[in-house]
């Protein structure tokens, strides 16, 4: 997949935090589009052959306008708190741990160095982190979908996210909070495989063939392409998941029965309901999330490097504890893909210790080595 470029590999903790915060930022920007997508997906549920003139929501912008006009702008952000909780538990794992799992599979199964994983191992890593993230974040997803689905025209089921958690647990028990787990695992394993792997491969290809430099334009193009491919692949699963999770107890015996009923009632087009808002939401979500993720990693690594740079001069005269020496060596680990920060060169004057343009430190170290 191209040459391995030099760059420090952020620790797993940095990637987890950066991915969680980036996911929350993307959620804030795209929540109205996600709400419109959910309303369009559940529209006509249980109503065979619903007449076109009877449709309440028409198109993405029409849906946004209708919700804002009838329920107020605040309704576009129904379920936001559950959405933010979901991203901290979900995005942090599925995106933040992707490189760690990918490198583990590469080393374990093929004995390759970090960054040399084949496409099959990248897919396996995407399935692993996507499925694991769902297991952790499923209750937040159930609450988010149900709060987005409820409108003023219907009886209010939940007053807040905390009320939704309590009500679902009281009426449906613990299984209610994990309702739709099977289709959601399928959906998000598929989403992660296409979304993260496509971003990883597209970004790496753009850099390998010198089509773009590693920067925000490259991240934008990679995220946009990954978002479109992902929407095409996962829309049918997403519609089934949304309808099943939002349904009352006993309406569907399972996700498969839900899908079959959708097909009988509305035909194959039912599986692509809300495609435009789904793409606009997922495409914009990808762009915001991945661009924030890349920038947050750089900021965290710069902050860590700055702290270590303050200890560089004592280290040169041999008084830095071994733990600090190890920390500085960690910053020189190389790996391409999501975990790579290739825009900071290794400073040869520092003997392969990495500092992001710490010229003041370099000037102090050079004369010390002449003694």
Protein backbone atom coordinates (compact mmCIF):
# COMPACT_ATOMS: atom_id res chain seq x y z
CA UNK A 1 0.00 0.00 0.00
CA UNK A 2 2.89 2.38 -0.55
CA UNK A 3 5.93 3.35 1.42
CA UNK A 4 5.93 3.77 5.14
CA UNK A 5 6.47 7.39 6.04
CA UNK A 6 8.23 8.60 9.12
CA UNK A 7 6.05 9.95 11.88
CA UNK A 8 5.34 9.49 15.58
CA UNK A 9 2.61 7.08 16.59
CA UNK A 10 0.30 8.62 19.22
CA UNK A 11 -0.31 6.36 22.24
CA UNK A 12 -3.63 4.49 22.38
CA UNK A 13 -4.89 6.82 25.12
CA UNK A 14 -4.34 9.86 22.92
CA UNK A 15 -6.17 8.24 20.02
CA UNK A 16 -9.09 7.19 22.25
CA UNK A 17 -9.53 10.70 23.65
CA UNK A 18 -9.04 12.41 20.30
CA UNK A 19 -11.56 10.10 18.58
CA UNK A 20 -14.16 10.59 21.34
CA UNK A 21 -13.87 14.39 21.28
CA UNK A 22 -13.86 14.44 17.47
CA UNK A 23 -16.99 12.27 17.42
CA UNK A 24 -18.76 14.63 19.83
CA UNK A 25 -17.82 17.63 17.66
CA UNK A 26 -19.17 15.90 14.56
CA UNK A 27 -22.36 14.97 16.43
CA UNK A 28 -22.99 18.62 17.34
CA UNK A 29 -22.63 19.70 13.71
CA UNK A 30 -24.71 16.94 12.14
CA UNK A 31 -27.44 16.23 14.72
CA UNK A 32 -30.24 17.99 12.76
CA UNK A 33 -29.42 15.94 9.65
CA UNK A 34 -29.45 12.75 11.70
CA UNK A 35 -32.83 13.64 13.20
CA UNK A 36 -34.23 14.26 9.70
CA UNK A 37 -32.82 10.93 8.55
CA UNK A 38 -34.49 9.06 11.43
CA UNK A 39 -37.88 10.72 10.80
CA UNK A 40 -37.74 9.84 7.09
CA UNK A 41 -36.71 6.25 7.83
CA UNK A 42 -39.61 5.55 10.18
CA UNK A 43 -42.19 7.44 8.11
CA UNK A 44 -44.95 5.13 6.93
CA UNK A 45 -44.00 2.39 9.38
CA UNK A 46 -46.90 -0.03 9.74
CA UNK A 47 -48.94 1.82 7.07
CA UNK A 48 -49.13 -0.23 3.91
CA UNK A 49 -49.26 1.76 0.69
CA UNK A 50 -49.21 5.19 2.37
CA UNK A 51 -50.40 7.77 -0.17
CA UNK A 52 -47.81 10.28 -1.28
CA UNK A 53 -50.04 13.22 -0.33
CA UNK A 54 -50.28 11.82 3.21
CA UNK A 55 -46.55 11.96 3.80
CA UNK A 56 -45.61 14.33 6.59
CA UNK A 57 -41.94 14.65 5.64
CA UNK A 58 -40.66 15.18 2.10
CA UNK A 59 -36.95 15.31 1.43
CA UNK A 60 -34.17 16.39 3.71
CA UNK A 61 -34.76 20.16 3.65
CA UNK A 62 -38.53 19.68 3.77
CA UNK A 63 -38.13 17.45 6.83
CA UNK A 64 -35.84 19.93 8.56
CA UNK A 65 -38.27 22.75 7.80
CA UNK A 66 -41.32 20.79 8.97
CA UNK A 67 -39.71 19.77 12.26
CA UNK A 68 -38.49 23.31 12.95
CA UNK A 69 -41.86 24.86 12.08
CA UNK A 70 -44.07 22.40 13.96
CA UNK A 71 -41.85 21.55 16.92
CA UNK A 72 -39.26 24.30 17.13
CA UNK A 73 -35.54 24.31 16.38
CA UNK A 74 -34.82 22.52 19.64
CA UNK A 75 -36.55 19.40 18.31
CA UNK A 76 -33.77 19.01 15.73
CA UNK A 77 -31.45 18.25 18.64
CA UNK A 78 -33.67 15.69 20.39
CA UNK A 79 -31.45 13.02 21.91
CA UNK A 80 -28.30 15.17 21.79
CA UNK A 81 -27.12 14.22 25.28
CA UNK A 82 -27.49 10.52 24.47
CA UNK A 83 -25.73 11.17 21.16
CA UNK A 84 -22.73 12.75 22.89
CA UNK A 85 -22.60 9.90 25.41
CA UNK A 86 -22.69 7.48 22.50
CA UNK A 87 -19.78 9.13 20.71
CA UNK A 88 -17.52 9.12 23.78
CA UNK A 89 -18.16 5.38 24.17
CA UNK A 90 -18.50 4.52 20.49
CA UNK A 91 -16.23 6.68 18.32
CA UNK A 92 -13.38 6.48 20.81
CA UNK A 93 -13.29 2.68 20.48
CA UNK A 94 -14.12 2.12 16.81
CA UNK A 95 -11.82 4.86 15.48
CA UNK A 96 -9.35 5.34 18.33
CA UNK A 97 -8.40 1.66 18.60
CA UNK A 98 -8.44 0.86 14.88
CA UNK A 99 -4.69 1.33 14.38
CA UNK A 100 -3.86 -0.62 17.53
CA UNK A 101 -5.95 -3.61 16.43
CA UNK A 102 -4.72 -3.35 12.83
CA UNK A 103 -1.07 -3.41 13.93
CA UNK A 104 -1.77 -6.29 16.32
CA UNK A 105 -3.37 -8.40 13.58
CA UNK A 106 -0.55 -7.52 11.18
CA UNK A 107 2.13 -8.59 13.64
CA UNK A 108 0.31 -11.67 14.90
CA UNK A 109 -0.87 -13.18 11.62
CA UNK A 110 1.75 -12.04 9.16
CA UNK A 111 4.67 -10.83 11.21
CA UNK A 112 4.74 -7.55 9.31
CA UNK A 113 6.05 -4.34 10.74
CA UNK A 114 3.57 -1.71 11.87
CA UNK A 115 1.76 -0.04 8.98
CA UNK A 116 2.16 -2.97 6.55
CA UNK A 117 -1.26 -4.56 7.13
CA UNK A 118 -3.04 -5.92 4.06
CA UNK A 119 -6.60 -4.97 3.17
CA UNK A 120 -8.03 -8.17 4.71
CA UNK A 121 -6.44 -7.36 8.08
CA UNK A 122 -7.69 -3.79 7.91
CA UNK A 123 -11.20 -5.11 7.30
CA UNK A 124 -10.82 -7.49 10.25
CA UNK A 125 -9.67 -4.60 12.44
CA UNK A 126 -12.65 -2.50 11.35
CA UNK A 127 -15.10 -5.30 12.14
CA UNK A 128 -13.47 -5.90 15.53
CA UNK A 129 -13.47 -2.30 16.73
CA UNK A 130 -16.90 -1.54 15.22
CA UNK A 131 -18.54 -4.56 16.84
CA UNK A 132 -16.86 -3.96 20.20
CA UNK A 133 -17.93 -0.31 20.22
CA UNK A 134 -21.58 -1.27 19.68
CA UNK A 135 -21.55 -3.67 22.62
CA UNK A 136 -20.43 -0.79 24.85
CA UNK A 137 -22.62 1.98 23.44
CA UNK A 138 -25.88 0.19 22.51
CA UNK A 139 -28.07 1.68 25.31
CA UNK A 140 -27.09 5.22 24.30
CA UNK A 141 -28.00 4.44 20.68
CA UNK A 142 -31.45 3.09 21.63
CA UNK A 143 -32.21 6.20 23.69
CA UNK A 144 -30.92 8.55 20.98
CA UNK A 145 -33.03 6.95 18.22
CA UNK A 146 -36.21 6.94 20.31
CA UNK A 147 -35.84 10.55 21.35
CA UNK A 148 -35.17 11.61 17.77
CA UNK A 149 -38.21 9.68 16.55
CA UNK A 150 -40.74 11.22 18.93
CA UNK A 151 -42.57 14.33 17.74
CA UNK A 152 -45.04 16.75 19.29
CA UNK A 153 -47.83 15.34 17.17
CA UNK A 154 -47.54 12.07 19.07
CA UNK A 155 -47.58 11.34 22.77
CA UNK A 156 -44.25 12.19 24.38
CA UNK A 157 -42.65 8.97 25.50
CA UNK A 158 -39.52 10.40 27.07
CA UNK A 159 -38.85 13.75 28.74
CA UNK A 160 -35.06 13.52 28.75
CA UNK A 161 -32.24 11.06 28.16
CA UNK A 162 -32.13 10.02 31.83
CA UNK A 163 -35.92 9.58 31.82
CA UNK A 164 -35.63 7.45 28.68
CA UNK A 165 -33.03 5.16 30.27
CA UNK A 166 -35.23 4.70 33.35
CA UNK A 167 -38.46 4.22 31.39
CA UNK A 168 -37.02 1.68 28.98
CA UNK A 169 -35.46 -0.29 31.83
CA UNK A 170 -38.71 -0.19 33.82
CA UNK A 171 -41.01 -1.24 30.96
CA UNK A 172 -38.75 -3.49 28.90
CA UNK A 173 -36.04 -4.54 31.32
CA UNK A 174 -32.33 -4.68 30.59
CA UNK A 175 -32.87 -6.32 27.16
CA UNK A 176 -34.80 -3.19 26.13
CA UNK A 177 -31.63 -1.11 26.38
CA UNK A 178 -29.86 -3.57 24.10
CA UNK A 179 -32.79 -3.89 21.67
CA UNK A 180 -31.66 -4.23 18.09
CA UNK A 181 -28.17 -5.29 19.13
CA UNK A 182 -27.80 -7.82 16.29
CA UNK A 183 -28.68 -5.41 13.44
CA UNK A 184 -26.71 -2.65 15.13
CA UNK A 185 -23.60 -4.83 15.41
CA UNK A 186 -24.03 -5.77 11.76
CA UNK A 187 -24.56 -2.16 10.76
CA UNK A 188 -21.67 -0.67 12.71
CA UNK A 189 -19.23 -3.45 11.88
CA UNK A 190 -20.10 -2.73 8.24
CA UNK A 191 -19.92 1.05 8.78
CA UNK A 192 -16.56 0.81 10.47
CA UNK A 193 -15.18 -1.53 7.85
CA UNK A 194 -16.16 0.73 4.96
CA UNK A 195 -15.77 4.10 6.69
CA UNK A 196 -12.50 3.73 8.57
CA UNK A 197 -10.82 1.31 6.17
CA UNK A 198 -11.79 3.42 3.13
CA UNK A 199 -10.47 6.54 4.84
CA UNK A 200 -7.27 4.71 5.76
CA UNK A 201 -6.71 3.31 2.25
CA UNK A 202 -7.72 6.46 0.35
CA UNK A 203 -5.56 8.69 2.51
CA UNK A 204 -2.60 6.33 2.23
CA UNK A 205 -3.00 6.09 -1.57
CA UNK A 206 -3.16 9.87 -1.99
CA UNK A 207 0.07 10.18 -0.03
CA UNK A 208 1.82 7.21 -1.65
CA UNK A 209 1.23 8.52 -5.19
CA UNK A 210 2.04 12.12 -4.20
CA UNK A 211 -1.41 13.28 -5.26
CA UNK A 212 -1.82 15.32 -2.09
CA UNK A 213 0.24 16.22 0.96
CA UNK A 214 -0.70 15.07 4.44
CA UNK A 215 -2.89 17.95 5.53
CA UNK A 216 -6.47 19.14 5.85
CA UNK A 217 -7.31 18.97 2.09
CA UNK A 218 -6.16 15.34 2.02
CA UNK A 219 -8.18 14.54 5.14
CA UNK A 220 -11.24 16.28 3.61
CA UNK A 221 -11.14 14.31 0.34
CA UNK A 222 -10.50 11.00 2.11
CA UNK A 223 -13.36 11.55 4.57
CA UNK A 224 -15.83 12.66 1.88
CA UNK A 225 -15.17 9.63 -0.34
CA UNK A 226 -15.36 7.26 2.64
CA UNK A 227 -18.69 8.82 3.67
CA UNK A 228 -20.30 8.29 0.25
CA UNK A 229 -19.14 4.67 -0.06
CA UNK A 230 -20.32 3.93 3.46
CA UNK A 231 -23.79 5.41 2.88
CA UNK A 232 -24.36 3.26 -0.22
CA UNK A 233 -23.32 0.10 1.62
CA UNK A 234 -25.07 0.55 4.96
CA UNK A 235 -28.33 2.39 4.15
CA UNK A 236 -30.46 -0.82 3.99
CA UNK A 237 -29.07 -2.03 7.33
CA UNK A 238 -29.48 1.42 8.86
CA UNK A 239 -33.17 1.69 7.92
CA UNK A 240 -33.95 -1.76 9.37
CA UNK A 241 -32.01 -0.94 12.53
CA UNK A 242 -33.82 2.37 13.03
CA UNK A 243 -37.30 0.90 12.56
CA UNK A 244 -36.63 -2.09 14.77
CA UNK A 245 -35.08 -0.08 17.60
CA UNK A 246 -37.90 2.47 17.53
CA UNK A 247 -40.71 -0.11 17.47
CA UNK A 248 -42.91 -0.93 20.45
CA UNK A 249 -42.52 -4.35 22.09
CA UNK A 250 -44.03 -7.17 20.02
CA UNK A 251 -44.33 -5.31 16.69
CA UNK A 252 -41.46 -7.27 15.14
CA UNK A 253 -40.18 -10.67 16.18
CA UNK A 254 -36.69 -9.74 15.02
CA UNK A 255 -34.64 -7.65 12.63
CA UNK A 256 -35.10 -10.15 9.78
CA UNK A 257 -38.89 -10.13 10.14
CA UNK A 258 -38.78 -6.32 10.18
CA UNK A 259 -36.80 -6.29 6.92
CA UNK A 260 -39.19 -8.77 5.26
CA UNK A 261 -42.23 -6.75 6.30
CA UNK A 262 -40.64 -3.58 4.92
CA UNK A 263 -40.01 -5.29 1.61
CA UNK A 264 -43.58 -6.65 1.37
CA UNK A 265 -45.18 -3.32 2.29
CA UNK A 266 -43.03 -0.85 0.37
CA UNK A 267 -40.67 -2.75 -1.91
CA UNK A 268 -36.88 -2.43 -2.20
CA UNK A 269 -36.94 1.37 -2.22
CA UNK A 270 -37.93 1.27 1.46
CA UNK A 271 -34.37 0.28 2.31
CA UNK A 272 -33.04 3.54 0.89
CA UNK A 273 -35.50 5.87 2.56
CA UNK A 274 -33.72 9.00 3.72
CA UNK A 275 -30.68 8.29 1.54
CA UNK A 276 -29.92 11.94 0.76
CA UNK A 277 -29.98 13.11 4.40
CA UNK A 278 -28.16 9.92 5.36
CA UNK A 279 -25.37 10.74 2.90
CA UNK A 280 -25.26 14.42 3.83
CA UNK A 281 -25.19 13.47 7.49
CA UNK A 282 -22.63 10.69 7.14
CA UNK A 283 -20.51 12.60 4.64
CA UNK A 284 -20.42 15.75 6.76
CA UNK A 285 -19.96 13.66 9.92
CA UNK A 286 -16.95 11.94 8.36
CA UNK A 287 -15.41 15.22 7.28
CA UNK A 288 -15.79 16.91 10.66
CA UNK A 289 -14.84 13.83 12.68
CA UNK A 290 -11.72 12.79 10.76
CA UNK A 291 -10.42 16.34 10.33
CA UNK A 292 -10.92 17.04 14.05
CA UNK A 293 -9.39 13.65 14.89
CA UNK A 294 -6.23 14.38 12.90
CA UNK A 295 -5.85 17.88 14.34
CA UNK A 296 -6.52 16.78 17.93
CA UNK A 297 -3.86 14.07 17.64
CA UNK A 298 -1.36 16.67 16.49
CA UNK A 299 -2.27 19.02 19.33
CA UNK A 300 -1.96 16.29 21.96
CA UNK A 301 1.35 15.11 20.55
CA UNK A 302 2.70 18.65 20.33
CA UNK A 303 1.75 19.21 23.95
CA UNK A 304 3.51 15.99 24.99
CA UNK A 305 6.58 16.84 22.91
CA UNK A 306 6.75 20.32 24.44
CA UNK A 307 6.75 18.86 27.94
CA UNK A 308 9.49 16.41 27.00
CA UNK A 309 11.48 19.12 25.23
CA UNK A 310 11.82 20.92 28.55
CA UNK A 311 13.74 17.86 29.80
CA UNK A 312 15.94 17.53 26.71
CA UNK A 313 18.91 19.53 28.06
CA UNK A 314 19.08 17.64 31.38
CA UNK A 315 18.90 14.39 29.41
CA UNK A 316 21.95 15.34 27.37
CA UNK A 317 24.07 15.51 30.52
CA UNK A 318 22.68 12.19 31.77
CA UNK A 319 20.36 13.14 34.63
CA UNK A 320 16.96 12.31 33.12
CA UNK A 321 15.25 9.27 34.68
CA UNK A 322 14.93 6.20 32.41
CA UNK A 323 11.14 6.59 32.25
CA UNK A 324 11.55 9.95 30.50
CA UNK A 325 14.00 8.43 28.02
CA UNK A 326 11.40 5.77 27.15
CA UNK A 327 8.67 8.38 26.75
CA UNK A 328 10.79 10.33 24.30
CA UNK A 329 11.61 7.21 22.29
CA UNK A 330 7.88 6.41 22.01
CA UNK A 331 7.44 9.59 20.01
CA UNK A 332 9.62 8.21 17.21
CA UNK A 333 7.53 5.07 16.56
CA UNK A 334 6.41 5.04 12.93
CA UNK A 335 3.13 3.89 11.42
CA UNK A 336 1.03 5.15 8.50
CA UNK A 337 -2.73 5.46 8.32
CA UNK A 338 -5.07 6.85 10.96
CA UNK A 339 -2.42 6.91 13.67
CA UNK A 340 0.26 8.62 11.63
CA UNK A 341 1.47 12.17 12.15
CA UNK A 342 3.83 12.47 9.23
CA UNK A 343 4.05 16.27 9.14
CA UNK A 344 6.67 16.49 11.88
CA UNK A 345 10.21 15.57 10.82
CA UNK A 346 12.72 13.76 12.98
CA UNK A 347 15.43 16.16 14.13
CA UNK A 348 18.81 14.50 13.42
CA UNK A 349 20.58 16.82 15.84
CA UNK A 350 18.72 15.18 18.70
CA UNK A 351 19.82 11.64 17.94
CA UNK A 352 16.39 10.45 16.71
CA UNK A 353 14.47 12.09 19.53
CA UNK A 354 11.50 13.95 18.10
CA UNK A 355 10.71 17.60 18.78
CA UNK A 356 8.30 19.63 16.62
CA UNK A 357 10.46 22.57 15.55
CA UNK A 358 11.99 23.15 18.97
CA UNK A 359 14.79 25.28 17.57
CA UNK A 360 15.54 26.93 20.89
CA UNK A 361 16.25 23.52 22.42
CA UNK A 362 18.40 22.45 19.44
CA UNK A 363 20.55 25.58 19.69
CA UNK A 364 21.23 24.79 23.35
CA UNK A 365 22.07 21.15 22.69
CA UNK A 366 24.50 21.68 19.81
CA UNK A 367 27.19 23.49 21.87
CA UNK A 368 26.79 21.01 24.72
CA UNK A 369 27.84 18.13 22.44
CA UNK A 370 31.06 19.94 21.57
CA UNK A 371 32.36 19.67 25.14
